[in-house]
PDB file of N, CA and C in Angstrom:
ATOM      1  N   MET A   1       7.475 -20.516   8.389  1.00  0.00           N
ATOM      2  CA  MET A   1       6.353 -19.751   8.886  1.00  0.00           C
ATOM      3  C   MET A   1       4.851 -20.336   8.893  1.00  0.00           C
ATOM      4  N   ALA A   2       3.626 -20.264   9.390  1.00  0.00           N
ATOM      5  CA  ALA A   2       2.360 -20.303   8.612  1.00  0.00           C
ATOM      6  C   ALA A   2       2.032 -19.176   7.995  1.00  0.00           C
ATOM      7  N   ASP A   3       1.595 -19.359   6.916  1.00  0.00           N
ATOM      8  CA  ASP A   3       0.770 -18.543   6.563  1.00  0.00           C
ATOM      9  C   ASP A   3       0.328 -17.715   6.650  1.00  0.00           C
ATOM     10  N   TRP A   4      -0.845 -17.606   7.971  1.00  0.00           N
ATOM     11  CA  TRP A   4      -1.432 -16.344   8.441  1.00  0.00           C
ATOM     12  C   TRP A   4      -0.679 -15.398   9.851  1.00  0.00           C
ATOM     13  N   VAL A   5       0.489 -16.150   9.669  1.00  0.00           N
ATOM     14  CA  VAL A   5       1.602 -14.953  10.406  1.00  0.00           C
ATOM     15  C   VAL A   5       2.139 -14.274   9.229  1.00  0.00           C
ATOM     16  N   TYR A   6       2.898 -15.156   8.412  1.00  0.00           N
ATOM     17  CA  TYR A   6       3.886 -13.925   7.163  1.00  0.00           C
ATOM     18  C   TYR A   6       2.132 -13.314   6.872  1.00  0.00           C
ATOM     19  N   ILE A   7       1.185 -13.104   6.253  1.00  0.00           N
ATOM     20  CA  ILE A   7       0.069 -12.572   5.862  1.00  0.00           C
ATOM     21  C   ILE A   7       0.347 -11.495   7.203  1.00  0.00           C
ATOM     22  N   ILE A   8       0.053 -11.911   8.498  1.00  0.00           N
ATOM     23  CA  ILE A   8       0.101 -10.453   9.667  1.00  0.00           C
ATOM     24  C   ILE A   8       1.661  -9.704   9.542  1.00  0.00           C
ATOM     25  N   VAL A   9       2.594 -10.048   9.141  1.00  0.00           N
ATOM     26  CA  VAL A   9       3.941  -9.153   9.179  1.00  0.00           C
ATOM     27  C   VAL A   9       3.462  -8.691   7.877  1.00  0.00           C
ATOM     28  N   ARG A  10       3.010  -9.030   6.676  1.00  0.00           N
ATOM     29  CA  ARG A  10       3.182  -8.594   4.973  1.00  0.00           C
ATOM     30  C   ARG A  10       1.837  -7.113   5.472  1.00  0.00           C
ATOM     31  N   ALA A  11       0.925  -7.692   5.715  1.00  0.00           N
ATOM     32  CA  ALA A  11      -0.110  -7.154   6.221  1.00  0.00           C
ATOM     33  C   ALA A  11       0.919  -5.682   7.341  1.00  0.00           C
ATOM     34  N   PHE A  12       0.908  -6.119   8.162  1.00  0.00           N
ATOM     35  CA  PHE A  12       1.518  -4.309   9.348  1.00  0.00           C
ATOM     36  C   PHE A  12       3.126  -3.652   8.707  1.00  0.00           C
ATOM     37  N   SER A  13       3.664  -4.265   7.573  1.00  0.00           N
ATOM     38  CA  SER A  13       4.421  -3.749   6.516  1.00  0.00           C
ATOM     39  C   SER A  13       3.469  -2.932   6.108  1.00  0.00           C
ATOM     40  N   ALA A  14       3.253  -3.236   5.052  1.00  0.00           N
ATOM     41  CA  ALA A  14       2.381  -2.727   4.333  1.00  0.00           C
ATOM     42  C   ALA A  14       1.469  -1.864   4.780  1.00  0.00           C
ATOM     43  N   LEU A  15       1.213  -1.304   5.724  1.00  0.00           N
ATOM     44  CA  LEU A  15       0.533  -0.488   6.512  1.00  0.00           C
ATOM     45  C   LEU A  15       1.203   0.542   7.337  1.00  0.00           C
ATOM     46  N   VAL A  16       2.345   0.068   7.370  1.00  0.00           N
ATOM     47  CA  VAL A  16       3.177   1.271   7.932  1.00  0.00           C
ATOM     48  C   VAL A  16       4.191   1.717   6.824  1.00  0.00           C
ATOM     49  N   ILE A  17       4.239   0.893   5.716  1.00  0.00           N
ATOM     50  CA  ILE A  17       4.502   2.362   4.697  1.00  0.00           C
ATOM     51  C   ILE A  17       3.704   2.365   4.019  1.00  0.00           C
ATOM     52  N   LEU A  18       2.325   2.187   3.764  1.00  0.00           N
ATOM     53  CA  LEU A  18       1.179   3.513   3.651  1.00  0.00           C
ATOM     54  C   LEU A  18       1.159   4.717   4.236  1.00  0.00           C
ATOM     55  N   PHE A  19       1.360   4.513   5.655  1.00  0.00           N
ATOM     56  CA  PHE A  19       1.095   6.024   6.352  1.00  0.00           C
ATOM     57  C   PHE A  19       2.632   6.519   6.651  1.00  0.00           C
ATOM     58  N   VAL A  20       3.415   6.009   5.536  1.00  0.00           N
ATOM     59  CA  VAL A  20       4.434   6.976   5.196  1.00  0.00           C
ATOM     60  C   VAL A  20       4.533   8.041   4.058  1.00  0.00           C
ATOM     61  N   LEU A  21       4.293   6.947   2.989  1.00  0.00           N
ATOM     62  CA  LEU A  21       3.490   7.137   1.944  1.00  0.00           C
ATOM     63  C   LEU A  21       1.668   8.619   1.993  1.00  0.00           C
ATOM     64  N   THR A  22       1.491   8.421   3.177  1.00  0.00           N
ATOM     65  CA  THR A  22       0.418   9.178   3.104  1.00  0.00           C
ATOM     66  C   THR A  22       0.828  10.552   3.706  1.00  0.00           C
ATOM     67  N   ARG A  23       1.389  10.597   4.804  1.00  0.00           N
ATOM     68  CA  ARG A  23       3.097  11.268   5.140  1.00  0.00           C
ATOM     69  C   ARG A  23       3.202  12.957   4.527  1.00  0.00           C
ATOM     70  N   ASN A  24       3.863  11.991   3.572  1.00  0.00           N
ATOM     71  CA  ASN A  24       4.723  12.852   2.417  1.00  0.00           C
ATOM     72  C   ASN A  24       3.482  13.516   1.426  1.00  0.00           C
ATOM     73  N   PHE A  25       2.021  12.639   1.577  1.00  0.00           N
ATOM     74  CA  PHE A  25       0.498  13.669   0.181  1.00  0.00           C
ATOM     75  C   PHE A  25       0.669  14.711   0.910  1.00  0.00           C
ATOM     76  N   GLY A  26      -0.117  15.235   2.250  1.00  0.00           N
ATOM     77  CA  GLY A  26      -0.490  15.857   2.794  1.00  0.00           C
ATOM     78  C   GLY A  26      -1.341  15.332   3.060  1.00  0.00           C
ATOM     79  N   LYS A  27      -1.858  16.303   4.016  1.00  0.00           N
ATOM     80  CA  LYS A  27      -3.336  16.461   4.630  1.00  0.00           C
ATOM     81  C   LYS A  27      -4.718  17.362   3.839  1.00  0.00           C
ATOM     82  N   LYS A  28      -5.516  16.796   3.189  1.00  0.00           N
ATOM     83  CA  LYS A  28      -6.002  16.651   2.115  1.00  0.00           C
ATOM     84  C   LYS A  28      -7.863  16.712   2.500  1.00  0.00           C
ATOM     85  N   GLN A  29      -8.998  16.893   2.686  1.00  0.00           N
ATOM     86  CA  GLN A  29     -10.286  16.515   2.746  1.00  0.00           C
ATOM     87  C   GLN A  29     -10.008  15.668   1.168  1.00  0.00           C
ATOM     88  N   ILE A  30     -11.010  14.254   1.284  1.00  0.00           N
ATOM     89  CA  ILE A  30     -11.478  14.437   0.403  1.00  0.00           C
ATOM     90  C   ILE A  30     -12.016  14.883  -1.313  1.00  0.00           C
ATOM     91  N   SER A  31     -12.662  15.927  -0.590  1.00  0.00           N
ATOM     92  CA  SER A  31     -13.421  17.094  -1.325  1.00  0.00           C
ATOM     93  C   SER A  31     -12.012  17.670  -2.259  1.00  0.00           C
ATOM     94  N   GLN A  32     -10.753  17.833  -1.570  1.00  0.00           N
ATOM     95  CA  GLN A  32     -10.265  18.631  -2.060  1.00  0.00           C
ATOM     96  C   GLN A  32      -9.630  17.627  -3.345  1.00  0.00           C
ATOM     97  N   LEU A  33      -9.333  16.750  -3.074  1.00  0.00           N
ATOM     98  CA  LEU A  33      -8.436  15.801  -4.367  1.00  0.00           C
ATOM     99  C   LEU A  33      -8.991  15.716  -5.529  1.00  0.00           C
ATOM    100  N   THR A  34      -7.962  15.683  -6.262  1.00  0.00           N
ATOM    101  CA  THR A  34      -7.831  16.180  -7.900  1.00  0.00           C
ATOM    102  C   THR A  34      -8.029  14.351  -7.858  1.00  0.00           C
ATOM    103  N   PHE A  35      -9.157  14.081 -10.019  1.00  0.00           N
ATOM    104  CA  PHE A  35      -9.304  13.001  -9.687  1.00  0.00           C
ATOM    105  C   PHE A  35      -8.130  12.504  -9.582  1.00  0.00           C
ATOM    106  N   PHE A  36      -6.994  12.741 -10.196  1.00  0.00           N
ATOM    107  CA  PHE A  36      -5.633  12.264 -10.846  1.00  0.00           C
ATOM    108  C   PHE A  36      -5.714  11.483  -8.585  1.00  0.00           C
ATOM    109  N   GLU A  37      -5.453  12.624  -7.854  1.00  0.00           N
ATOM    110  CA  GLU A  37      -5.413  12.227  -6.818  1.00  0.00           C
ATOM    111  C   GLU A  37      -5.445  10.795  -5.888  1.00  0.00           C
ATOM    112  N   TYR A  38      -7.040  10.841  -6.289  1.00  0.00           N
ATOM    113  CA  TYR A  38      -7.945   9.637  -5.633  1.00  0.00           C
ATOM    114  C   TYR A  38      -7.145   8.933  -6.096  1.00  0.00           C
ATOM    115  N   VAL A  39      -7.410   8.637  -7.738  1.00  0.00           N
ATOM    116  CA  VAL A  39      -7.351   7.393  -8.881  1.00  0.00           C
ATOM    117  C   VAL A  39      -5.748   6.971  -8.311  1.00  0.00           C
ATOM    118  N   LEU A  40      -4.267   7.768  -7.317  1.00  0.00           N
ATOM    119  CA  LEU A  40      -3.779   7.487  -7.168  1.00  0.00           C
ATOM    120  C   LEU A  40      -3.804   6.985  -6.110  1.00  0.00           C
ATOM    121  N   GLY A  41      -4.266   7.348  -4.606  1.00  0.00           N
ATOM    122  CA  GLY A  41      -4.585   6.429  -3.673  1.00  0.00           C
ATOM    123  C   GLY A  41      -5.360   4.919  -3.879  1.00  0.00           C
ATOM    124  N   LEU A  42      -6.329   5.066  -4.689  1.00  0.00           N
ATOM    125  CA  LEU A  42      -6.737   3.547  -4.854  1.00  0.00           C
ATOM    126  C   LEU A  42      -6.149   2.500  -5.465  1.00  0.00           C
ATOM    127  N   THR A  43      -5.151   3.047  -5.944  1.00  0.00           N
ATOM    128  CA  THR A  43      -4.237   2.143  -6.389  1.00  0.00           C
ATOM    129  C   THR A  43      -3.406   1.653  -6.084  1.00  0.00           C
ATOM    130  N   ILE A  44      -2.366   2.829  -5.388  1.00  0.00           N
ATOM    131  CA  ILE A  44      -1.798   1.757  -4.270  1.00  0.00           C
ATOM    132  C   ILE A  44      -2.497   1.370  -2.783  1.00  0.00           C
ATOM    133  N   GLY A  45      -3.708   1.773  -2.416  1.00  0.00           N
ATOM    134  CA  GLY A  45      -4.394   1.107  -1.884  1.00  0.00           C
ATOM    135  C   GLY A  45      -4.906  -0.650  -2.049  1.00  0.00           C
ATOM    136  N   ASP A  46      -4.697  -0.865  -3.669  1.00  0.00           N
ATOM    137  CA  ASP A  46      -5.263  -1.948  -4.381  1.00  0.00           C
ATOM    138  C   ASP A  46      -3.505  -2.682  -4.293  1.00  0.00           C
ATOM    139  N   LEU A  47      -2.647  -2.016  -4.337  1.00  0.00           N
ATOM    140  CA  LEU A  47      -1.106  -2.755  -4.569  1.00  0.00           C
ATOM    141  C   LEU A  47      -0.665  -3.261  -3.314  1.00  0.00           C
ATOM    142  N   ALA A  48      -0.891  -2.028  -1.991  1.00  0.00           N
ATOM    143  CA  ALA A  48      -0.757  -2.934  -0.422  1.00  0.00           C
ATOM    144  C   ALA A  48      -1.779  -3.991  -0.365  1.00  0.00           C
ATOM    145  N   GLY A  49      -2.789  -3.657  -0.462  1.00  0.00           N
ATOM    146  CA  GLY A  49      -3.728  -5.134  -0.543  1.00  0.00           C
ATOM    147  C   GLY A  49      -2.994  -6.584  -0.877  1.00  0.00           C
ATOM    148  N   SER A  50      -2.955  -6.036  -1.786  1.00  0.00           N
ATOM    149  CA  SER A  50      -2.040  -7.267  -2.780  1.00  0.00           C
ATOM    150  C   SER A  50      -0.902  -7.975  -2.696  1.00  0.00           C
ATOM    151  N   MET A  51      -0.151  -6.557  -2.202  1.00  0.00           N
ATOM    152  CA  MET A  51       1.140  -7.573  -1.367  1.00  0.00           C
ATOM    153  C   MET A  51       1.262  -7.768  -0.164  1.00  0.00           C
ATOM    154  N   SER A  52       0.444  -7.389   0.348  1.00  0.00           N
ATOM    155  CA  SER A  52       0.042  -8.401   1.939  1.00  0.00           C
ATOM    156  C   SER A  52      -1.058  -9.835   2.113  1.00  0.00           C
ATOM    157  N   THR A  53      -1.375  -9.794   0.970  1.00  0.00           N
ATOM    158  CA  THR A  53      -2.237 -11.270   1.107  1.00  0.00           C
ATOM    159  C   THR A  53      -2.181 -12.432  -0.139  1.00  0.00           C
ATOM    160  N   ASP A  54      -1.235 -11.794  -1.210  1.00  0.00           N
ATOM    161  CA  ASP A  54      -0.456 -12.829  -1.878  1.00  0.00           C
ATOM    162  C   ASP A  54       0.930 -13.651  -1.115  1.00  0.00           C
ATOM    163  N   VAL A  55       1.018 -14.510  -1.107  1.00  0.00           N
ATOM    164  CA  VAL A  55       1.927 -14.920  -0.221  1.00  0.00           C
ATOM    165  C   VAL A  55       2.580 -15.568  -0.960  1.00  0.00           C
ATOM    166  N   GLU A  56       2.573 -15.910  -2.333  1.00  0.00           N
ATOM    167  CA  GLU A  56       2.313 -16.923  -3.557  1.00  0.00           C
ATOM    168  C   GLU A  56       4.234 -15.405  -3.949  1.00  0.00           C
ATOM    169  N   ALA A  57       3.524 -14.401  -4.040  1.00  0.00           N
ATOM    170  CA  ALA A  57       4.237 -12.970  -4.660  1.00  0.00           C
ATOM    171  C   ALA A  57       5.573 -12.414  -4.238  1.00  0.00           C
ATOM    172  N   ASN A  58       6.004 -11.909  -4.438  1.00  0.00           N
ATOM    173  CA  ASN A  58       7.522 -11.763  -3.509  1.00  0.00           C
ATOM    174  C   ASN A  58       7.440 -10.451  -3.079  1.00  0.00           C
ATOM    175  N   PHE A  59       7.691  -9.630  -2.052  1.00  0.00           N
ATOM    176  CA  PHE A  59       7.245  -8.677  -1.076  1.00  0.00           C
ATOM    177  C   PHE A  59       8.200  -7.434  -2.167  1.00  0.00           C
ATOM    178  N   ALA A  60       9.336  -7.764  -1.735  1.00  0.00           N
ATOM    179  CA  ALA A  60      10.050  -6.774  -2.642  1.00  0.00           C
ATOM    180  C   ALA A  60       9.272  -6.347  -4.069  1.00  0.00           C
ATOM    181  N   HIS A  61       8.838  -6.812  -4.598  1.00  0.00           N
ATOM    182  CA  HIS A  61       8.569  -6.686  -5.913  1.00  0.00           C
ATOM    183  C   HIS A  61       7.425  -5.331  -5.965  1.00  0.00           C
ATOM    184  N   GLY A  62       6.235  -6.065  -4.707  1.00  0.00           N
ATOM    185  CA  GLY A  62       5.034  -5.011  -4.549  1.00  0.00           C
ATOM    186  C   GLY A  62       5.698  -3.771  -4.027  1.00  0.00           C
ATOM    187  N   LEU A  63       6.874  -3.347  -2.651  1.00  0.00           N
ATOM    188  CA  LEU A  63       7.661  -2.575  -2.372  1.00  0.00           C
ATOM    189  C   LEU A  63       8.028  -1.818  -3.797  1.00  0.00           C
ATOM    190  N   ILE A  64       8.782  -2.037  -4.648  1.00  0.00           N
ATOM    191  CA  ILE A  64       8.591  -1.591  -6.138  1.00  0.00           C
ATOM    192  C   ILE A  64       7.714  -0.826  -6.568  1.00  0.00           C
ATOM    193  N   ALA A  65       6.255  -1.215  -6.803  1.00  0.00           N
ATOM    194  CA  ALA A  65       5.815  -1.221  -7.339  1.00  0.00           C
ATOM    195  C   ALA A  65       4.541   0.036  -6.225  1.00  0.00           C
ATOM    196  N   LEU A  66       4.931   0.282  -4.943  1.00  0.00           N
ATOM    197  CA  LEU A  66       3.882   1.045  -4.482  1.00  0.00           C
ATOM    198  C   LEU A  66       4.924   1.995  -4.793  1.00  0.00           C
ATOM    199  N   LEU A  67       6.932   2.401  -4.125  1.00  0.00           N
ATOM    200  CA  LEU A  67       7.626   3.723  -4.498  1.00  0.00           C
ATOM    201  C   LEU A  67       7.492   3.608  -6.354  1.00  0.00           C
ATOM    202  N   VAL A  68       7.445   3.443  -7.213  1.00  0.00           N
ATOM    203  CA  VAL A  68       7.088   3.523  -8.305  1.00  0.00           C
ATOM    204  C   VAL A  68       5.871   4.762  -8.020  1.00  0.00           C
ATOM    205  N   TRP A  69       5.009   3.695  -8.438  1.00  0.00           N
ATOM    206  CA  TRP A  69       3.378   5.079  -8.076  1.00  0.00           C
ATOM    207  C   TRP A  69       3.620   5.838  -7.154  1.00  0.00           C
TER     208      TRP A  69
END
């Protein structure tokens, strides 16, 4: 499979996982977030971005990291 197709599939998978995690966090305005929740959101977003664009990394390891955070 071409790298660009692989990146699209990984990015879509990461997006679906982020939507599921976001639904579990609940609906809050940015002004209502605590500092910990804000940093948590940034970290999860960075992990999802890394796992969707780094084709040499194992996707399962990125998924485990998202679930741990």
